[in-house]
């Protein structure tokens, strides 16, 4: 336990797949896996997918151990009906809320103290079929999208896709929440603002968002449900599980 997490902070840890010296860390990361995780790991057919899964599990476990007196191997997890993972109740650490995501060569894990959180990462190189716009944009967003220069439409979609994905993961609803029911605007400094969630009864102002580009290759988006009126502070750190953190 080495990190301090206050109630108004969101800590985001990330790692690039090429960062760890794999010959060294591979057996160390394998030793962290539960029996169920090891079974999932063994099912992957391609080395790239195995490495991505292994790095994600190592990052989650080592990050959580920064905030509790518990070894990285000793964490146990459960999932909601929509598949969102959380710390197993029997560990008595329900205040540690987390979420993780991976894309291409990057994995990320966000942690809060008792606040629902979701994170999504996507490669900037990902080509999004613009025909999906009507399925993932609200009517207001769709109108702006059609007026956007075609050379910027990919970025328009990716920015909203990642922040909506982070929000749905924070709510624990996964694919059951229609992206077209969500409408976002962006402040001049780039901060996403939830304008409307047609499916929710709570106020959009209860939610705060963060979005940035990591390593010049990935979009990172984070959503957190605030428990008070004061804003959350987002702290982004780079990590090498079991080796180092910045």
C-alpha atoms as a PDB file:
ATOM      1  CA  UNK A   1       0.000   0.000   0.000  1.00  0.00           C
ATOM      2  CA  UNK A   2       1.808   3.098  -1.235  1.00  0.00           C
ATOM      3  CA  UNK A   3      -0.769   5.433  -2.821  1.00  0.00           C
ATOM      4  CA  UNK A   4      -3.250   7.769  -1.136  1.00  0.00           C
ATOM      5  CA  UNK A   5      -6.636   8.148  -2.811  1.00  0.00           C
ATOM      6  CA  UNK A   6      -8.944  10.923  -1.617  1.00  0.00           C
ATOM      7  CA  UNK A   7     -12.698  11.020  -2.152  1.00  0.00           C
ATOM      8  CA  UNK A   8     -12.402  13.711  -4.825  1.00  0.00           C
ATOM      9  CA  UNK A   9      -9.698  12.027  -6.900  1.00  0.00           C
ATOM     10  CA  UNK A  10      -9.695   9.639  -9.830  1.00  0.00           C
ATOM     11  CA  UNK A  11      -6.406   7.843 -10.397  1.00  0.00           C
ATOM     12  CA  UNK A  12      -5.772   6.504 -13.886  1.00  0.00           C
ATOM     13  CA  UNK A  13      -2.873   4.126 -14.454  1.00  0.00           C
ATOM     14  CA  UNK A  14      -1.806   2.994 -17.897  1.00  0.00           C
ATOM     15  CA  UNK A  15       0.841   0.838 -19.521  1.00  0.00           C
ATOM     16  CA  UNK A  16       1.954   0.234 -23.089  1.00  0.00           C
ATOM     17  CA  UNK A  17       2.321  -3.357 -24.206  1.00  0.00           C
ATOM     18  CA  UNK A  18       5.864  -2.715 -25.415  1.00  0.00           C
ATOM     19  CA  UNK A  19       6.997  -1.216 -22.092  1.00  0.00           C
ATOM     20  CA  UNK A  20       7.613  -4.312 -19.941  1.00  0.00           C
ATOM     21  CA  UNK A  21      10.645  -6.515 -20.622  1.00  0.00           C
ATOM     22  CA  UNK A  22       8.516  -9.547 -21.443  1.00  0.00           C
ATOM     23  CA  UNK A  23      11.183 -12.177 -20.952  1.00  0.00           C
ATOM     24  CA  UNK A  24      11.442 -10.953 -17.364  1.00  0.00           C
ATOM     25  CA  UNK A  25       7.834 -10.171 -16.477  1.00  0.00           C
ATOM     26  CA  UNK A  26       5.981 -12.963 -18.289  1.00  0.00           C
ATOM     27  CA  UNK A  27       6.396 -15.587 -15.531  1.00  0.00           C
ATOM     28  CA  UNK A  28       5.781 -12.926 -12.865  1.00  0.00           C
ATOM     29  CA  UNK A  29       2.508 -11.844 -14.434  1.00  0.00           C
ATOM     30  CA  UNK A  30       1.359 -15.424 -14.950  1.00  0.00           C
ATOM     31  CA  UNK A  31       1.882 -16.080 -11.246  1.00  0.00           C
ATOM     32  CA  UNK A  32      -0.601 -13.302 -10.421  1.00  0.00           C
ATOM     33  CA  UNK A  33      -3.519 -14.911 -12.249  1.00  0.00           C
ATOM     34  CA  UNK A  34      -6.327 -16.756 -10.546  1.00  0.00           C
ATOM     35  CA  UNK A  35      -7.248 -20.209 -11.834  1.00  0.00           C
ATOM     36  CA  UNK A  36     -10.137 -18.740 -13.809  1.00  0.00           C
ATOM     37  CA  UNK A  37      -7.958 -16.035 -15.315  1.00  0.00           C
ATOM     38  CA  UNK A  38      -5.334 -18.592 -16.268  1.00  0.00           C
ATOM     39  CA  UNK A  39      -7.994 -20.641 -18.059  1.00  0.00           C
ATOM     40  CA  UNK A  40      -9.073 -17.552 -20.010  1.00  0.00           C
ATOM     41  CA  UNK A  41      -5.443 -16.754 -20.814  1.00  0.00           C
ATOM     42  CA  UNK A  42      -4.834 -20.253 -22.183  1.00  0.00           C
ATOM     43  CA  UNK A  43      -7.855 -19.994 -24.488  1.00  0.00           C
ATOM     44  CA  UNK A  44      -6.373 -17.155 -26.533  1.00  0.00           C
ATOM     45  CA  UNK A  45      -5.007 -18.385 -29.838  1.00  0.00           C
ATOM     46  CA  UNK A  46      -2.718 -15.459 -30.621  1.00  0.00           C
ATOM     47  CA  UNK A  47       0.258 -14.215 -28.631  1.00  0.00           C
ATOM     48  CA  UNK A  48      -0.789 -10.580 -28.996  1.00  0.00           C
ATOM     49  CA  UNK A  49      -4.183 -11.241 -27.403  1.00  0.00           C
ATOM     50  CA  UNK A  50      -2.569 -13.265 -24.618  1.00  0.00           C
ATOM     51  CA  UNK A  51      -0.100 -10.499 -23.889  1.00  0.00           C
ATOM     52  CA  UNK A  52      -2.820  -7.850 -23.827  1.00  0.00           C
ATOM     53  CA  UNK A  53      -4.980  -9.902 -21.453  1.00  0.00           C
ATOM     54  CA  UNK A  54      -2.039 -10.701 -19.189  1.00  0.00           C
ATOM     55  CA  UNK A  55      -0.897  -7.092 -19.012  1.00  0.00           C
ATOM     56  CA  UNK A  56      -4.425  -5.906 -18.208  1.00  0.00           C
ATOM     57  CA  UNK A  57      -4.796  -8.399 -15.359  1.00  0.00           C
ATOM     58  CA  UNK A  58      -1.345  -7.551 -13.995  1.00  0.00           C
ATOM     59  CA  UNK A  59      -2.087  -3.829 -14.150  1.00  0.00           C
ATOM     60  CA  UNK A  60      -5.430  -4.136 -12.336  1.00  0.00           C
ATOM     61  CA  UNK A  61      -4.017  -6.329  -9.584  1.00  0.00           C
ATOM     62  CA  UNK A  62      -0.858  -4.309  -8.968  1.00  0.00           C
ATOM     63  CA  UNK A  63      -2.714  -0.989  -9.119  1.00  0.00           C
ATOM     64  CA  UNK A  64      -5.298  -2.084  -6.543  1.00  0.00           C
ATOM     65  CA  UNK A  65      -2.496  -3.253  -4.257  1.00  0.00           C
ATOM     66  CA  UNK A  66      -1.292   0.364  -4.204  1.00  0.00           C
ATOM     67  CA  UNK A  67      -4.385   1.201  -2.135  1.00  0.00           C
ATOM     68  CA  UNK A  68      -4.738  -1.778   0.211  1.00  0.00           C
ATOM     69  CA  UNK A  69      -2.607  -4.106   2.291  1.00  0.00           C
ATOM     70  CA  UNK A  70      -3.180  -7.012  -0.056  1.00  0.00           C
ATOM     71  CA  UNK A  71      -0.804  -8.760  -2.422  1.00  0.00           C
ATOM     72  CA  UNK A  72      -1.430  -8.527  -6.154  1.00  0.00           C
ATOM     73  CA  UNK A  73      -2.116 -12.276  -6.359  1.00  0.00           C
ATOM     74  CA  UNK A  74      -4.668 -12.167  -3.526  1.00  0.00           C
ATOM     75  CA  UNK A  75      -7.349 -10.032  -5.152  1.00  0.00           C
ATOM     76  CA  UNK A  76     -10.681 -11.671  -5.907  1.00  0.00           C
ATOM     77  CA  UNK A  77     -13.312 -10.276  -8.230  1.00  0.00           C
ATOM     78  CA  UNK A  78     -16.983 -10.646  -9.038  1.00  0.00           C
ATOM     79  CA  UNK A  79     -19.034  -9.250 -11.909  1.00  0.00           C
ATOM     80  CA  UNK A  80     -22.414  -7.568 -12.204  1.00  0.00           C
ATOM     81  CA  UNK A  81     -25.177  -8.963 -14.383  1.00  0.00           C
ATOM     82  CA  UNK A  82     -23.881  -6.777 -17.209  1.00  0.00           C
ATOM     83  CA  UNK A  83     -20.297  -7.954 -16.758  1.00  0.00           C
ATOM     84  CA  UNK A  84     -18.741  -5.049 -14.852  1.00  0.00           C
ATOM     85  CA  UNK A  85     -16.004  -6.360 -12.513  1.00  0.00           C
ATOM     86  CA  UNK A  86     -15.733  -5.286  -8.881  1.00  0.00           C
ATOM     87  CA  UNK A  87     -13.769  -6.298  -5.806  1.00  0.00           C
ATOM     88  CA  UNK A  88     -15.227  -9.427  -4.199  1.00  0.00           C
ATOM     89  CA  UNK A  89     -17.305  -8.432  -1.131  1.00  0.00           C
ATOM     90  CA  UNK A  90     -15.581 -10.919   1.156  1.00  0.00           C
ATOM     91  CA  UNK A  91     -12.365  -8.883   0.950  1.00  0.00           C
ATOM     92  CA  UNK A  92     -14.049  -5.969   2.743  1.00  0.00           C
ATOM     93  CA  UNK A  93     -12.716  -3.390   0.279  1.00  0.00           C
ATOM     94  CA  UNK A  94     -15.930  -2.335  -1.433  1.00  0.00           C
ATOM     95  CA  UNK A  95     -14.862   1.322  -1.283  1.00  0.00           C
ATOM     96  CA  UNK A  96     -12.260   0.611  -3.976  1.00  0.00           C
ATOM     97  CA  UNK A  97     -14.096   1.149  -7.237  1.00  0.00           C
ATOM     98  CA  UNK A  98     -12.218   0.410 -10.452  1.00  0.00           C
ATOM     99  CA  UNK A  99     -12.605  -0.150 -14.149  1.00  0.00           C
ATOM    100  CA  UNK A 100     -10.175  -1.073 -16.898  1.00  0.00           C
ATOM    101  CA  UNK A 101      -9.933  -0.996 -20.668  1.00  0.00           C
ATOM    102  CA  UNK A 102      -7.510  -2.008 -23.380  1.00  0.00           C
ATOM    103  CA  UNK A 103      -7.074  -1.229 -27.051  1.00  0.00           C
ATOM    104  CA  UNK A 104      -4.302  -1.913 -29.491  1.00  0.00           C
ATOM    105  CA  UNK A 105      -1.090  -1.652 -27.432  1.00  0.00           C
ATOM    106  CA  UNK A 106      -2.385   0.165 -24.343  1.00  0.00           C
ATOM    107  CA  UNK A 107      -4.165  -0.881 -21.146  1.00  0.00           C
ATOM    108  CA  UNK A 108      -5.604   1.481 -18.536  1.00  0.00           C
ATOM    109  CA  UNK A 109      -7.150   1.162 -15.077  1.00  0.00           C
ATOM    110  CA  UNK A 110      -9.093   3.873 -13.222  1.00  0.00           C
ATOM    111  CA  UNK A 111      -9.603   3.780  -9.439  1.00  0.00           C
ATOM    112  CA  UNK A 112     -11.805   5.848  -7.106  1.00  0.00           C
ATOM    113  CA  UNK A 113     -12.852   5.885  -3.475  1.00  0.00           C
ATOM    114  CA  UNK A 114     -16.525   4.817  -3.439  1.00  0.00           C
ATOM    115  CA  UNK A 115     -17.460   6.502  -6.725  1.00  0.00           C
ATOM    116  CA  UNK A 116     -18.741   4.692  -9.799  1.00  0.00           C
ATOM    117  CA  UNK A 117     -16.118   4.930 -12.519  1.00  0.00           C
ATOM    118  CA  UNK A 118     -15.676   3.812 -16.110  1.00  0.00           C
ATOM    119  CA  UNK A 119     -12.760   4.060 -18.522  1.00  0.00           C
ATOM    120  CA  UNK A 120     -12.318   3.466 -22.231  1.00  0.00           C
ATOM    121  CA  UNK A 121      -9.310   3.641 -24.526  1.00  0.00           C
ATOM    122  CA  UNK A 122      -9.323   3.510 -28.304  1.00  0.00           C
ATOM    123  CA  UNK A 123      -6.589   3.696 -30.906  1.00  0.00           C
ATOM    124  CA  UNK A 124      -6.486   6.933 -32.887  1.00  0.00           C
ATOM    125  CA  UNK A 125      -5.677   4.773 -35.891  1.00  0.00           C
ATOM    126  CA  UNK A 126      -8.950   2.879 -35.570  1.00  0.00           C
ATOM    127  CA  UNK A 127     -11.119   3.397 -38.623  1.00  0.00           C
ATOM    128  CA  UNK A 128     -14.741   3.893 -37.663  1.00  0.00           C
ATOM    129  CA  UNK A 129     -17.392   3.302 -40.299  1.00  0.00           C
ATOM    130  CA  UNK A 130     -19.210   6.626 -40.432  1.00  0.00           C
ATOM    131  CA  UNK A 131     -22.419   4.765 -41.254  1.00  0.00           C
ATOM    132  CA  UNK A 132     -22.687   3.835 -37.565  1.00  0.00           C
ATOM    133  CA  UNK A 133     -23.126   7.509 -36.675  1.00  0.00           C
ATOM    134  CA  UNK A 134     -26.910   7.249 -36.563  1.00  0.00           C
ATOM    135  CA  UNK A 135     -26.634   4.419 -34.043  1.00  0.00           C
ATOM    136  CA  UNK A 136     -24.136   6.019 -31.661  1.00  0.00           C
ATOM    137  CA  UNK A 137     -24.967   9.735 -31.888  1.00  0.00           C
ATOM    138  CA  UNK A 138     -27.950  11.597 -30.490  1.00  0.00           C
ATOM    139  CA  UNK A 139     -30.110  13.583 -32.939  1.00  0.00           C
ATOM    140  CA  UNK A 140     -28.346  16.800 -31.891  1.00  0.00           C
ATOM    141  CA  UNK A 141     -24.900  15.249 -32.306  1.00  0.00           C
ATOM    142  CA  UNK A 142     -25.887  13.698 -35.617  1.00  0.00           C
ATOM    143  CA  UNK A 143     -26.877  17.090 -36.974  1.00  0.00           C
ATOM    144  CA  UNK A 144     -23.467  18.521 -36.024  1.00  0.00           C
ATOM    145  CA  UNK A 145     -21.750  15.437 -37.438  1.00  0.00           C
ATOM    146  CA  UNK A 146     -23.315  15.923 -40.869  1.00  0.00           C
ATOM    147  CA  UNK A 147     -22.070  19.535 -40.874  1.00  0.00           C
ATOM    148  CA  UNK A 148     -18.542  18.463 -39.920  1.00  0.00           C
ATOM    149  CA  UNK A 149     -15.804  18.363 -42.538  1.00  0.00           C
ATOM    150  CA  UNK A 150     -15.436  14.726 -43.701  1.00  0.00           C
ATOM    151  CA  UNK A 151     -11.746  14.802 -42.787  1.00  0.00           C
ATOM    152  CA  UNK A 152     -12.725  15.388 -39.143  1.00  0.00           C
ATOM    153  CA  UNK A 153     -15.675  13.010 -38.883  1.00  0.00           C
ATOM    154  CA  UNK A 154     -13.550  10.086 -37.671  1.00  0.00           C
ATOM    155  CA  UNK A 155     -12.244  12.161 -34.774  1.00  0.00           C
ATOM    156  CA  UNK A 156     -15.768  13.434 -34.060  1.00  0.00           C
ATOM    157  CA  UNK A 157     -17.033   9.875 -33.723  1.00  0.00           C
ATOM    158  CA  UNK A 158     -14.069   8.539 -31.724  1.00  0.00           C
ATOM    159  CA  UNK A 159     -14.257  11.341 -29.148  1.00  0.00           C
ATOM    160  CA  UNK A 160     -17.915  10.678 -28.489  1.00  0.00           C
ATOM    161  CA  UNK A 161     -17.607   6.906 -28.720  1.00  0.00           C
ATOM    162  CA  UNK A 162     -14.918   6.746 -26.036  1.00  0.00           C
ATOM    163  CA  UNK A 163     -16.663   9.064 -23.596  1.00  0.00           C
ATOM    164  CA  UNK A 164     -19.991   7.260 -24.052  1.00  0.00           C
ATOM    165  CA  UNK A 165     -18.296   3.894 -23.590  1.00  0.00           C
ATOM    166  CA  UNK A 166     -16.678   5.139 -20.354  1.00  0.00           C
ATOM    167  CA  UNK A 167     -20.041   6.454 -19.129  1.00  0.00           C
ATOM    168  CA  UNK A 168     -21.947   3.239 -19.844  1.00  0.00           C
ATOM    169  CA  UNK A 169     -19.208   1.233 -18.116  1.00  0.00           C
ATOM    170  CA  UNK A 170     -19.397   3.523 -15.080  1.00  0.00           C
ATOM    171  CA  UNK A 171     -23.142   2.967 -14.889  1.00  0.00           C
ATOM    172  CA  UNK A 172     -22.536  -0.767 -15.184  1.00  0.00           C
ATOM    173  CA  UNK A 173     -25.006  -1.110 -18.047  1.00  0.00           C
ATOM    174  CA  UNK A 174     -22.695  -2.087 -20.882  1.00  0.00           C
ATOM    175  CA  UNK A 175     -24.330  -2.532 -24.274  1.00  0.00           C
ATOM    176  CA  UNK A 176     -27.827  -2.289 -22.795  1.00  0.00           C
ATOM    177  CA  UNK A 177     -27.543   1.524 -22.831  1.00  0.00           C
ATOM    178  CA  UNK A 178     -28.157   3.041 -26.250  1.00  0.00           C
ATOM    179  CA  UNK A 179     -25.453   5.509 -27.266  1.00  0.00           C
ATOM    180  CA  UNK A 180     -28.015   7.444 -29.313  1.00  0.00           C
ATOM    181  CA  UNK A 181     -29.815   8.294 -26.038  1.00  0.00           C
ATOM    182  CA  UNK A 182     -26.720  10.150 -24.809  1.00  0.00           C
ATOM    183  CA  UNK A 183     -25.743  13.638 -25.878  1.00  0.00           C
ATOM    184  CA  UNK A 184     -22.403  15.296 -25.110  1.00  0.00           C
ATOM    185  CA  UNK A 185     -20.888  18.691 -25.706  1.00  0.00           C
ATOM    186  CA  UNK A 186     -17.261  19.711 -25.279  1.00  0.00           C
ATOM    187  CA  UNK A 187     -15.864  22.712 -23.448  1.00  0.00           C
ATOM    188  CA  UNK A 188     -13.236  24.930 -25.154  1.00  0.00           C
ATOM    189  CA  UNK A 189     -10.553  23.134 -23.108  1.00  0.00           C
ATOM    190  CA  UNK A 190     -11.798  19.780 -24.427  1.00  0.00           C
ATOM    191  CA  UNK A 191     -13.667  18.594 -21.322  1.00  0.00           C
ATOM    192  CA  UNK A 192     -16.709  16.459 -22.180  1.00  0.00           C
ATOM    193  CA  UNK A 193     -20.037  17.522 -20.672  1.00  0.00           C
ATOM    194  CA  UNK A 194     -23.053  15.218 -20.464  1.00  0.00           C
ATOM    195  CA  UNK A 195     -25.957  17.224 -21.822  1.00  0.00           C
ATOM    196  CA  UNK A 196     -28.597  14.496 -21.745  1.00  0.00           C
ATOM    197  CA  UNK A 197     -29.127  10.860 -20.864  1.00  0.00           C
ATOM    198  CA  UNK A 198     -32.650  10.046 -21.973  1.00  0.00           C
ATOM    199  CA  UNK A 199     -32.546   6.761 -20.026  1.00  0.00           C
ATOM    200  CA  UNK A 200     -31.496   8.096 -16.593  1.00  0.00           C
ATOM    201  CA  UNK A 201     -33.380   9.728 -13.733  1.00  0.00           C
ATOM    202  CA  UNK A 202     -30.345  11.382 -12.129  1.00  0.00           C
ATOM    203  CA  UNK A 203     -29.015  14.789 -13.162  1.00  0.00           C
ATOM    204  CA  UNK A 204     -26.255  14.930 -15.784  1.00  0.00           C
ATOM    205  CA  UNK A 205     -24.395  17.312 -13.460  1.00  0.00           C
ATOM    206  CA  UNK A 206     -23.686  14.385 -11.126  1.00  0.00           C
ATOM    207  CA  UNK A 207     -21.224  13.088 -13.693  1.00  0.00           C
ATOM    208  CA  UNK A 208     -17.777  14.373 -14.516  1.00  0.00           C
ATOM    209  CA  UNK A 209     -15.617  13.378 -17.466  1.00  0.00           C
ATOM    210  CA  UNK A 210     -12.008  13.478 -18.533  1.00  0.00           C
ATOM    211  CA  UNK A 211     -10.587  12.869 -21.974  1.00  0.00           C
ATOM    212  CA  UNK A 212      -7.064  13.112 -23.332  1.00  0.00           C
ATOM    213  CA  UNK A 213      -4.659  11.604 -25.837  1.00  0.00           C
ATOM    214  CA  UNK A 214      -2.054   9.209 -24.438  1.00  0.00           C
ATOM    215  CA  UNK A 215       1.286   8.490 -26.131  1.00  0.00           C
ATOM    216  CA  UNK A 216       0.048  10.293 -29.265  1.00  0.00           C
ATOM    217  CA  UNK A 217      -1.766   7.113 -30.313  1.00  0.00           C
ATOM    218  CA  UNK A 218      -4.797   6.572 -28.071  1.00  0.00           C
ATOM    219  CA  UNK A 219      -7.865   8.356 -26.784  1.00  0.00           C
ATOM    220  CA  UNK A 220      -8.489   7.938 -23.064  1.00  0.00           C
ATOM    221  CA  UNK A 221     -11.927   8.750 -21.629  1.00  0.00           C
ATOM    222  CA  UNK A 222     -12.998   8.492 -17.983  1.00  0.00           C
ATOM    223  CA  UNK A 223     -16.436   8.953 -16.396  1.00  0.00           C
ATOM    224  CA  UNK A 224     -17.048   9.310 -12.652  1.00  0.00           C
ATOM    225  CA  UNK A 225     -20.209   9.837 -10.615  1.00  0.00           C
ATOM    226  CA  UNK A 226     -19.508  12.600  -8.136  1.00  0.00           C
ATOM    227  CA  UNK A 227     -20.788  12.257  -4.588  1.00  0.00           C
ATOM    228  CA  UNK A 228     -20.612  15.991  -3.849  1.00  0.00           C
ATOM    229  CA  UNK A 229     -20.700  19.286  -5.703  1.00  0.00           C
ATOM    230  CA  UNK A 230     -16.939  19.725  -5.685  1.00  0.00           C
ATOM    231  CA  UNK A 231     -15.177  18.575  -8.854  1.00  0.00           C
ATOM    232  CA  UNK A 232     -12.971  15.524  -9.044  1.00  0.00           C
ATOM    233  CA  UNK A 233      -9.280  15.715  -9.834  1.00  0.00           C
ATOM    234  CA  UNK A 234      -7.952  13.300 -12.443  1.00  0.00           C
ATOM    235  CA  UNK A 235      -4.418  11.995 -11.917  1.00  0.00           C
ATOM    236  CA  UNK A 236      -2.852  10.060 -14.803  1.00  0.00           C
ATOM    237  CA  UNK A 237       0.176   7.850 -14.179  1.00  0.00           C
ATOM    238  CA  UNK A 238       2.216   5.499 -16.308  1.00  0.00           C
ATOM    239  CA  UNK A 239       3.010   2.117 -14.798  1.00  0.00           C
ATOM    240  CA  UNK A 240       5.109  -0.982 -15.316  1.00  0.00           C
ATOM    241  CA  UNK A 241       3.330  -3.623 -13.213  1.00  0.00           C
ATOM    242  CA  UNK A 242       5.656  -5.065 -10.551  1.00  0.00           C
ATOM    243  CA  UNK A 243       8.498  -2.870 -11.819  1.00  0.00           C
ATOM    244  CA  UNK A 244       7.831   0.863 -11.679  1.00  0.00           C
ATOM    245  CA  UNK A 245       5.286   3.688 -11.679  1.00  0.00           C
ATOM    246  CA  UNK A 246       5.585   7.336 -12.633  1.00  0.00           C
END
